[in-house]
């Protein structure tokens, strides 16, 4: 989203859910996109 950074960089993206929140009364976690992590 910044032209100078975009033009001069190569972006390598890992498959990863990022930060998670624990679902209440569950052993599962969820991220801001709604992806479930077990």
ModelCIF file with pLDDT and N, C-alpha, C, O atoms, coordinates in Angstrom:
data_MODEL
#
_entry.id   MODEL 
#
_entity.id                         1 
_entity.type                       polymer 
_entity.pdbx_number_of_molecules   1 
#
_entity_poly.entity_id                      1 
_entity_poly.type                           'polypeptide(L)' 
_entity_poly.nstd_linkage                   no 
_entity_poly.nstd_monomer                   no 
_entity_poly.pdbx_seq_one_letter_code       
;(UNK)(UNK)(UNK)(UNK)(UNK)(UNK)(UNK)(UNK)(UNK)(UNK)(UNK)(UNK)(UNK)(UNK)(UNK)(UNK)
(UNK)(UNK)(UNK)(UNK)(UNK)(UNK)(UNK)(UNK)(UNK)(UNK)(UNK)(UNK)(UNK)(UNK)(UNK)(UNK)
(UNK)(UNK)(UNK)(UNK)(UNK)(UNK)
;
_entity_poly.pdbx_seq_one_letter_code_can   XXXXXXXXXXXXXXXXXXXXXXXXXXXXXXXXXXXXXX 
_entity_poly.pdbx_strand_id                 A 
#
loop_
_entity_poly_seq.entity_id 
_entity_poly_seq.num 
_entity_poly_seq.mon_id 
_entity_poly_seq.hetero 
1 1  UNK n 
1 2  UNK n 
1 3  UNK n 
1 4  UNK n 
1 5  UNK n 
1 6  UNK n 
1 7  UNK n 
1 8  UNK n 
1 9  UNK n 
1 10 UNK n 
1 11 UNK n 
1 12 UNK n 
1 13 UNK n 
1 14 UNK n 
1 15 UNK n 
1 16 UNK n 
1 17 UNK n 
1 18 UNK n 
1 19 UNK n 
1 20 UNK n 
1 21 UNK n 
1 22 UNK n 
1 23 UNK n 
1 24 UNK n 
1 25 UNK n 
1 26 UNK n 
1 27 UNK n 
1 28 UNK n 
1 29 UNK n 
1 30 UNK n 
1 31 UNK n 
1 32 UNK n 
1 33 UNK n 
1 34 UNK n 
1 35 UNK n 
1 36 UNK n 
1 37 UNK n 
1 38 UNK n 
#
_struct_asym.id          A 
_struct_asym.entity_id   1 
#
loop_
_ma_qa_metric.id 
_ma_qa_metric.mode 
_ma_qa_metric.name 
_ma_qa_metric.software_group_id 
_ma_qa_metric.type 
1 global pLDDT . pLDDT 
2 local  pLDDT . pLDDT 
#
_ma_qa_metric_global.metric_id      1 
_ma_qa_metric_global.metric_value   95.42 
_ma_qa_metric_global.model_id       1 
_ma_qa_metric_global.ordinal_id     1 
#
loop_
_ma_qa_metric_local.label_asym_id 
_ma_qa_metric_local.label_comp_id 
_ma_qa_metric_local.label_seq_id 
_ma_qa_metric_local.metric_id 
_ma_qa_metric_local.metric_value 
_ma_qa_metric_local.model_id 
_ma_qa_metric_local.ordinal_id 
A UNK 1  2 96.00 1 1  
A UNK 2  2 97.00 1 2  
A UNK 3  2 96.00 1 3  
A UNK 4  2 96.00 1 4  
A UNK 5  2 98.00 1 5  
A UNK 6  2 98.00 1 6  
A UNK 7  2 98.00 1 7  
A UNK 8  2 98.00 1 8  
A UNK 9  2 98.00 1 9  
A UNK 10 2 98.00 1 10 
A UNK 11 2 98.00 1 11 
A UNK 12 2 98.00 1 12 
A UNK 13 2 98.00 1 13 
A UNK 14 2 98.00 1 14 
A UNK 15 2 98.00 1 15 
A UNK 16 2 98.00 1 16 
A UNK 17 2 97.00 1 17 
A UNK 18 2 97.00 1 18 
A UNK 19 2 97.00 1 19 
A UNK 20 2 98.00 1 20 
A UNK 21 2 97.00 1 21 
A UNK 22 2 95.00 1 22 
A UNK 23 2 93.00 1 23 
A UNK 24 2 92.00 1 24 
A UNK 25 2 89.00 1 25 
A UNK 26 2 91.00 1 26 
A UNK 27 2 90.00 1 27 
A UNK 28 2 96.00 1 28 
A UNK 29 2 97.00 1 29 
A UNK 30 2 96.00 1 30 
A UNK 31 2 94.00 1 31 
A UNK 32 2 92.00 1 32 
A UNK 33 2 89.00 1 33 
A UNK 34 2 90.00 1 34 
A UNK 35 2 92.00 1 35 
A UNK 36 2 93.00 1 36 
A UNK 37 2 96.00 1 37 
A UNK 38 2 94.00 1 38 
#
loop_
_atom_site.group_PDB 
_atom_site.id 
_atom_site.type_symbol 
_atom_site.label_atom_id 
_atom_site.label_alt_id 
_atom_site.label_comp_id 
_atom_site.label_asym_id 
_atom_site.label_entity_id 
_atom_site.label_seq_id 
_atom_site.pdbx_PDB_ins_code 
_atom_site.Cartn_x 
_atom_site.Cartn_y 
_atom_site.Cartn_z 
_atom_site.occupancy 
_atom_site.B_iso_or_equiv 
_atom_site.pdbx_formal_charge 
_atom_site.auth_seq_id 
_atom_site.auth_comp_id 
_atom_site.auth_asym_id 
_atom_site.auth_atom_id 
_atom_site.pdbx_PDB_model_num 
ATOM 1   N N  . UNK A 1 1  ? 0.784   -1.227  0.000  1.00 96.00 ? 1  UNK A N  1 
ATOM 2   C CA . UNK A 1 1  ? 0.000   0.000   0.000  1.00 96.00 ? 1  UNK A CA 1 
ATOM 3   C C  . UNK A 1 1  ? 0.813   1.273   0.000  1.00 96.00 ? 1  UNK A C  1 
ATOM 4   O O  . UNK A 1 1  ? 0.254   2.369   -0.003 1.00 96.00 ? 1  UNK A O  1 
ATOM 5   N N  . UNK A 1 2  ? 2.143   1.139   0.003  1.00 97.00 ? 2  UNK A N  1 
ATOM 6   C CA . UNK A 1 2  ? 3.034   2.292   -0.154 1.00 97.00 ? 2  UNK A CA 1 
ATOM 7   C C  . UNK A 1 2  ? 3.894   2.034   -1.383 1.00 97.00 ? 2  UNK A C  1 
ATOM 8   O O  . UNK A 1 2  ? 4.619   1.041   -1.443 1.00 97.00 ? 2  UNK A O  1 
ATOM 9   N N  . UNK A 1 3  ? 3.813   2.929   -2.360 1.00 96.00 ? 3  UNK A N  1 
ATOM 10  C CA . UNK A 1 3  ? 4.414   2.644   -3.658 1.00 96.00 ? 3  UNK A CA 1 
ATOM 11  C C  . UNK A 1 3  ? 5.906   2.322   -3.580 1.00 96.00 ? 3  UNK A C  1 
ATOM 12  O O  . UNK A 1 3  ? 6.366   1.379   -4.224 1.00 96.00 ? 3  UNK A O  1 
ATOM 13  N N  . UNK A 1 4  ? 6.664   3.090   -2.803 1.00 96.00 ? 4  UNK A N  1 
ATOM 14  C CA . UNK A 1 4  ? 8.106   2.856   -2.742 1.00 96.00 ? 4  UNK A CA 1 
ATOM 15  C C  . UNK A 1 4  ? 8.425   1.481   -2.165 1.00 96.00 ? 4  UNK A C  1 
ATOM 16  O O  . UNK A 1 4  ? 9.335   0.801   -2.639 1.00 96.00 ? 4  UNK A O  1 
ATOM 17  N N  . UNK A 1 5  ? 7.671   1.070   -1.136 1.00 98.00 ? 5  UNK A N  1 
ATOM 18  C CA . UNK A 1 5  ? 7.878   -0.253  -0.541 1.00 98.00 ? 5  UNK A CA 1 
ATOM 19  C C  . UNK A 1 5  ? 7.456   -1.341  -1.522 1.00 98.00 ? 5  UNK A C  1 
ATOM 20  O O  . UNK A 1 5  ? 8.167   -2.329  -1.703 1.00 98.00 ? 5  UNK A O  1 
ATOM 21  N N  . UNK A 1 6  ? 6.302   -1.159  -2.152 1.00 98.00 ? 6  UNK A N  1 
ATOM 22  C CA . UNK A 1 6  ? 5.816   -2.152  -3.102 1.00 98.00 ? 6  UNK A CA 1 
ATOM 23  C C  . UNK A 1 6  ? 6.787   -2.343  -4.266 1.00 98.00 ? 6  UNK A C  1 
ATOM 24  O O  . UNK A 1 6  ? 7.059   -3.477  -4.661 1.00 98.00 ? 6  UNK A O  1 
ATOM 25  N N  . UNK A 1 7  ? 7.308   -1.257  -4.814 1.00 98.00 ? 7  UNK A N  1 
ATOM 26  C CA . UNK A 1 7  ? 8.176   -1.336  -5.985 1.00 98.00 ? 7  UNK A CA 1 
ATOM 27  C C  . UNK A 1 7  ? 9.509   -1.999  -5.666 1.00 98.00 ? 7  UNK A C  1 
ATOM 28  O O  . UNK A 1 7  ? 10.055  -2.727  -6.495 1.00 98.00 ? 7  UNK A O  1 
ATOM 29  N N  . UNK A 1 8  ? 10.034  -1.752  -4.473 1.00 98.00 ? 8  UNK A N  1 
ATOM 30  C CA . UNK A 1 8  ? 11.380  -2.212  -4.140 1.00 98.00 ? 8  UNK A CA 1 
ATOM 31  C C  . UNK A 1 8  ? 11.426  -3.559  -3.433 1.00 98.00 ? 8  UNK A C  1 
ATOM 32  O O  . UNK A 1 8  ? 12.507  -4.066  -3.132 1.00 98.00 ? 8  UNK A O  1 
ATOM 33  N N  . UNK A 1 9  ? 10.246  -4.150  -3.163 1.00 98.00 ? 9  UNK A N  1 
ATOM 34  C CA . UNK A 1 9  ? 10.204  -5.351  -2.326 1.00 98.00 ? 9  UNK A CA 1 
ATOM 35  C C  . UNK A 1 9  ? 9.635   -6.571  -3.054 1.00 98.00 ? 9  UNK A C  1 
ATOM 36  O O  . UNK A 1 9  ? 8.872   -6.462  -4.014 1.00 98.00 ? 9  UNK A O  1 
ATOM 37  N N  . UNK A 1 10 ? 10.047  -7.736  -2.548 1.00 98.00 ? 10 UNK A N  1 
ATOM 38  C CA . UNK A 1 10 ? 9.436   -9.012  -2.915 1.00 98.00 ? 10 UNK A CA 1 
ATOM 39  C C  . UNK A 1 10 ? 8.732   -9.512  -1.660 1.00 98.00 ? 10 UNK A C  1 
ATOM 40  O O  . UNK A 1 10 ? 9.345   -9.592  -0.595 1.00 98.00 ? 10 UNK A O  1 
ATOM 41  N N  . UNK A 1 11 ? 7.452   -9.846  -1.776 1.00 98.00 ? 11 UNK A N  1 
ATOM 42  C CA . UNK A 1 11 ? 6.675   -10.269 -0.607 1.00 98.00 ? 11 UNK A CA 1 
ATOM 43  C C  . UNK A 1 11 ? 6.508   -11.786 -0.605 1.00 98.00 ? 11 UNK A C  1 
ATOM 44  O O  . UNK A 1 11 ? 5.993   -12.374 -1.556 1.00 98.00 ? 11 UNK A O  1 
ATOM 45  N N  . UNK A 1 12 ? 6.958   -12.404 0.489  1.00 98.00 ? 12 UNK A N  1 
ATOM 46  C CA . UNK A 1 12 ? 6.869   -13.852 0.678  1.00 98.00 ? 12 UNK A CA 1 
ATOM 47  C C  . UNK A 1 12 ? 5.891   -14.106 1.821  1.00 98.00 ? 12 UNK A C  1 
ATOM 48  O O  . UNK A 1 12 ? 6.156   -13.733 2.963  1.00 98.00 ? 12 UNK A O  1 
ATOM 49  N N  . UNK A 1 13 ? 4.773   -14.735 1.516  1.00 98.00 ? 13 UNK A N  1 
ATOM 50  C CA . UNK A 1 13 ? 3.662   -14.883 2.445  1.00 98.00 ? 13 UNK A CA 1 
ATOM 51  C C  . UNK A 1 13 ? 3.555   -16.335 2.934  1.00 98.00 ? 13 UNK A C  1 
ATOM 52  O O  . UNK A 1 13 ? 3.407   -17.253 2.128  1.00 98.00 ? 13 UNK A O  1 
ATOM 53  N N  . UNK A 1 14 ? 3.629   -16.537 4.245  1.00 98.00 ? 14 UNK A N  1 
ATOM 54  C CA . UNK A 1 14 ? 3.457   -17.859 4.837  1.00 98.00 ? 14 UNK A CA 1 
ATOM 55  C C  . UNK A 1 14 ? 1.975   -18.148 5.071  1.00 98.00 ? 14 UNK A C  1 
ATOM 56  O O  . UNK A 1 14 ? 1.226   -17.263 5.486  1.00 98.00 ? 14 UNK A O  1 
ATOM 57  N N  . UNK A 1 15 ? 1.555   -19.372 4.808  1.00 98.00 ? 15 UNK A N  1 
ATOM 58  C CA . UNK A 1 15 ? 0.232   -19.787 5.256  1.00 98.00 ? 15 UNK A CA 1 
ATOM 59  C C  . UNK A 1 15 ? 0.266   -19.846 6.783  1.00 98.00 ? 15 UNK A C  1 
ATOM 60  O O  . UNK A 1 15 ? 1.006   -20.643 7.360  1.00 98.00 ? 15 UNK A O  1 
ATOM 61  N N  . UNK A 1 16 ? -0.525  -19.012 7.427  1.00 98.00 ? 16 UNK A N  1 
ATOM 62  C CA . UNK A 1 16 ? -0.524  -18.933 8.883  1.00 98.00 ? 16 UNK A CA 1 
ATOM 63  C C  . UNK A 1 16 ? -1.738  -18.133 9.321  1.00 98.00 ? 16 UNK A C  1 
ATOM 64  O O  . UNK A 1 16 ? -2.087  -17.135 8.690  1.00 98.00 ? 16 UNK A O  1 
ATOM 65  N N  . UNK A 1 17 ? -2.386  -18.563 10.398 1.00 97.00 ? 17 UNK A N  1 
ATOM 66  C CA . UNK A 1 17 ? -3.606  -17.899 10.857 1.00 97.00 ? 17 UNK A CA 1 
ATOM 67  C C  . UNK A 1 17 ? -3.333  -16.657 11.694 1.00 97.00 ? 17 UNK A C  1 
ATOM 68  O O  . UNK A 1 17 ? -4.238  -15.857 11.931 1.00 97.00 ? 17 UNK A O  1 
ATOM 69  N N  . UNK A 1 18 ? -2.098  -16.493 12.142 1.00 97.00 ? 18 UNK A N  1 
ATOM 70  C CA . UNK A 1 18 ? -1.771  -15.298 12.922 1.00 97.00 ? 18 UNK A CA 1 
ATOM 71  C C  . UNK A 1 18 ? -2.218  -15.403 14.368 1.00 97.00 ? 18 UNK A C  1 
ATOM 72  O O  . UNK A 1 18 ? -2.115  -16.467 14.979 1.00 97.00 ? 18 UNK A O  1 
ATOM 73  N N  . UNK A 1 19 ? -2.720  -14.291 14.923 1.00 97.00 ? 19 UNK A N  1 
ATOM 74  C CA . UNK A 1 19 ? -3.147  -14.301 16.326 1.00 97.00 ? 19 UNK A CA 1 
ATOM 75  C C  . UNK A 1 19 ? -4.479  -15.044 16.475 1.00 97.00 ? 19 UNK A C  1 
ATOM 76  O O  . UNK A 1 19 ? -5.317  -15.057 15.573 1.00 97.00 ? 19 UNK A O  1 
ATOM 77  N N  . UNK A 1 20 ? -4.640  -15.661 17.652 1.00 98.00 ? 20 UNK A N  1 
ATOM 78  C CA . UNK A 1 20 ? -5.799  -16.506 17.918 1.00 98.00 ? 20 UNK A CA 1 
ATOM 79  C C  . UNK A 1 20 ? -6.445  -16.131 19.249 1.00 98.00 ? 20 UNK A C  1 
ATOM 80  O O  . UNK A 1 20 ? -5.792  -15.587 20.140 1.00 98.00 ? 20 UNK A O  1 
ATOM 81  N N  . UNK A 1 21 ? -7.725  -16.429 19.365 1.00 97.00 ? 21 UNK A N  1 
ATOM 82  C CA . UNK A 1 21 ? -8.440  -16.299 20.629 1.00 97.00 ? 21 UNK A CA 1 
ATOM 83  C C  . UNK A 1 21 ? -9.048  -17.649 20.984 1.00 97.00 ? 21 UNK A C  1 
ATOM 84  O O  . UNK A 1 21 ? -9.524  -18.367 20.105 1.00 97.00 ? 21 UNK A O  1 
ATOM 85  N N  . UNK A 1 22 ? -9.034  -17.995 22.261 1.00 95.00 ? 22 UNK A N  1 
ATOM 86  C CA . UNK A 1 22 ? -9.602  -19.277 22.690 1.00 95.00 ? 22 UNK A CA 1 
ATOM 87  C C  . UNK A 1 22 ? -11.115 -19.200 22.718 1.00 95.00 ? 22 UNK A C  1 
ATOM 88  O O  . UNK A 1 22 ? -11.688 -18.253 23.256 1.00 95.00 ? 22 UNK A O  1 
ATOM 89  N N  . UNK A 1 23 ? -11.761 -20.200 22.137 1.00 93.00 ? 23 UNK A N  1 
ATOM 90  C CA . UNK A 1 23 ? -13.217 -20.254 22.158 1.00 93.00 ? 23 UNK A CA 1 
ATOM 91  C C  . UNK A 1 23 ? -13.675 -20.697 23.549 1.00 93.00 ? 23 UNK A C  1 
ATOM 92  O O  . UNK A 1 23 ? -13.121 -21.653 24.091 1.00 93.00 ? 23 UNK A O  1 
ATOM 93  N N  . UNK A 1 24 ? -14.656 -20.041 24.136 1.00 92.00 ? 24 UNK A N  1 
ATOM 94  C CA . UNK A 1 24 ? -15.134 -20.407 25.471 1.00 92.00 ? 24 UNK A CA 1 
ATOM 95  C C  . UNK A 1 24 ? -15.622 -21.859 25.520 1.00 92.00 ? 24 UNK A C  1 
ATOM 96  O O  . UNK A 1 24 ? -16.256 -22.342 24.582 1.00 92.00 ? 24 UNK A O  1 
ATOM 97  N N  . UNK A 1 25 ? -15.318 -22.544 26.624 1.00 89.00 ? 25 UNK A N  1 
ATOM 98  C CA . UNK A 1 25 ? -15.763 -23.923 26.860 1.00 89.00 ? 25 UNK A CA 1 
ATOM 99  C C  . UNK A 1 25 ? -15.361 -24.857 25.722 1.00 89.00 ? 25 UNK A C  1 
ATOM 100 O O  . UNK A 1 25 ? -16.117 -25.749 25.336 1.00 89.00 ? 25 UNK A O  1 
ATOM 101 N N  . UNK A 1 26 ? -14.164 -24.640 25.194 1.00 91.00 ? 26 UNK A N  1 
ATOM 102 C CA . UNK A 1 26 ? -13.708 -25.427 24.051 1.00 91.00 ? 26 UNK A CA 1 
ATOM 103 C C  . UNK A 1 26 ? -12.182 -25.503 24.058 1.00 91.00 ? 26 UNK A C  1 
ATOM 104 O O  . UNK A 1 26 ? -11.514 -24.671 24.673 1.00 91.00 ? 26 UNK A O  1 
ATOM 105 N N  . UNK A 1 27 ? -11.637 -26.507 23.371 1.00 90.00 ? 27 UNK A N  1 
ATOM 106 C CA . UNK A 1 27 ? -10.195 -26.603 23.180 1.00 90.00 ? 27 UNK A CA 1 
ATOM 107 C C  . UNK A 1 27 ? -9.764  -25.990 21.854 1.00 90.00 ? 27 UNK A C  1 
ATOM 108 O O  . UNK A 1 27 ? -8.616  -26.141 21.437 1.00 90.00 ? 27 UNK A O  1 
ATOM 109 N N  . UNK A 1 28 ? -10.682 -25.306 21.201 1.00 96.00 ? 28 UNK A N  1 
ATOM 110 C CA . UNK A 1 28 ? -10.401 -24.719 19.904 1.00 96.00 ? 28 UNK A CA 1 
ATOM 111 C C  . UNK A 1 28 ? -10.077 -23.232 20.029 1.00 96.00 ? 28 UNK A C  1 
ATOM 112 O O  . UNK A 1 28 ? -10.429 -22.574 21.008 1.00 96.00 ? 28 UNK A O  1 
ATOM 113 N N  . UNK A 1 29 ? -9.398  -22.732 19.006 1.00 97.00 ? 29 UNK A N  1 
ATOM 114 C CA . UNK A 1 29 ? -9.063  -21.321 18.917 1.00 97.00 ? 29 UNK A CA 1 
ATOM 115 C C  . UNK A 1 29 ? -9.621  -20.778 17.604 1.00 97.00 ? 29 UNK A C  1 
ATOM 116 O O  . UNK A 1 29 ? -9.911  -21.539 16.681 1.00 97.00 ? 29 UNK A O  1 
ATOM 117 N N  . UNK A 1 30 ? -9.768  -19.462 17.530 1.00 96.00 ? 30 UNK A N  1 
ATOM 118 C CA . UNK A 1 30 ? -10.317 -18.836 16.334 1.00 96.00 ? 30 UNK A CA 1 
ATOM 119 C C  . UNK A 1 30 ? -9.571  -17.525 16.082 1.00 96.00 ? 30 UNK A C  1 
ATOM 120 O O  . UNK A 1 30 ? -9.163  -16.847 17.025 1.00 96.00 ? 30 UNK A O  1 
ATOM 121 N N  . UNK A 1 31 ? -9.397  -17.172 14.811 1.00 94.00 ? 31 UNK A N  1 
ATOM 122 C CA . UNK A 1 31 ? -8.750  -15.889 14.516 1.00 94.00 ? 31 UNK A CA 1 
ATOM 123 C C  . UNK A 1 31 ? -9.782  -14.885 14.015 1.00 94.00 ? 31 UNK A C  1 
ATOM 124 O O  . UNK A 1 31 ? -10.969 -15.202 13.937 1.00 94.00 ? 31 UNK A O  1 
ATOM 125 N N  . UNK A 1 32 ? -9.343  -13.692 13.680 1.00 92.00 ? 32 UNK A N  1 
ATOM 126 C CA . UNK A 1 32 ? -10.266 -12.616 13.307 1.00 92.00 ? 32 UNK A CA 1 
ATOM 127 C C  . UNK A 1 32 ? -10.996 -12.881 11.995 1.00 92.00 ? 32 UNK A C  1 
ATOM 128 O O  . UNK A 1 32 ? -12.008 -12.242 11.706 1.00 92.00 ? 32 UNK A O  1 
ATOM 129 N N  . UNK A 1 33 ? -10.485 -13.825 11.199 1.00 89.00 ? 33 UNK A N  1 
ATOM 130 C CA . UNK A 1 33 ? -11.143 -14.184 9.951  1.00 89.00 ? 33 UNK A CA 1 
ATOM 131 C C  . UNK A 1 33 ? -12.186 -15.288 10.141 1.00 89.00 ? 33 UNK A C  1 
ATOM 132 O O  . UNK A 1 33 ? -12.916 -15.635 9.212  1.00 89.00 ? 33 UNK A O  1 
ATOM 133 N N  . UNK A 1 34 ? -12.243 -15.833 11.361 1.00 90.00 ? 34 UNK A N  1 
ATOM 134 C CA . UNK A 1 34 ? -13.174 -16.928 11.633 1.00 90.00 ? 34 UNK A CA 1 
ATOM 135 C C  . UNK A 1 34 ? -12.595 -18.301 11.403 1.00 90.00 ? 34 UNK A C  1 
ATOM 136 O O  . UNK A 1 34 ? -13.311 -19.299 11.484 1.00 90.00 ? 34 UNK A O  1 
ATOM 137 N N  . UNK A 1 35 ? -11.284 -18.371 11.110 1.00 92.00 ? 35 UNK A N  1 
ATOM 138 C CA . UNK A 1 35 ? -10.626 -19.664 10.899 1.00 92.00 ? 35 UNK A CA 1 
ATOM 139 C C  . UNK A 1 35 ? -10.461 -20.382 12.236 1.00 92.00 ? 35 UNK A C  1 
ATOM 140 O O  . UNK A 1 35 ? -10.058 -19.776 13.228 1.00 92.00 ? 35 UNK A O  1 
ATOM 141 N N  . UNK A 1 36 ? -10.779 -21.683 12.254 1.00 93.00 ? 36 UNK A N  1 
ATOM 142 C CA . UNK A 1 36 ? -10.689 -22.494 13.472 1.00 93.00 ? 36 UNK A CA 1 
ATOM 143 C C  . UNK A 1 36 ? -9.331  -23.179 13.538 1.00 93.00 ? 36 UNK A C  1 
ATOM 144 O O  . UNK A 1 36 ? -8.843  -23.713 12.542 1.00 93.00 ? 36 UNK A O  1 
ATOM 145 N N  . UNK A 1 37 ? -8.730  -23.156 14.720 1.00 96.00 ? 37 UNK A N  1 
ATOM 146 C CA . UNK A 1 37 ? -7.433  -23.793 14.936 1.00 96.00 ? 37 UNK A CA 1 
ATOM 147 C C  . UNK A 1 37 ? -7.565  -24.763 16.107 1.00 96.00 ? 37 UNK A C  1 
ATOM 148 O O  . UNK A 1 37 ? -8.028  -24.377 17.180 1.00 96.00 ? 37 UNK A O  1 
ATOM 149 N N  . UNK A 1 38 ? -7.156  -26.041 15.905 1.00 94.00 ? 38 UNK A N  1 
ATOM 150 C CA . UNK A 1 38 ? -7.348  -27.074 16.915 1.00 94.00 ? 38 UNK A CA 1 
ATOM 151 C C  . UNK A 1 38 ? -6.043  -27.674 17.426 1.00 94.00 ? 38 UNK A C  1 
ATOM 152 O O  . UNK A 1 38 ? -6.064  -28.558 18.283 1.00 94.00 ? 38 UNK A O  1 
#
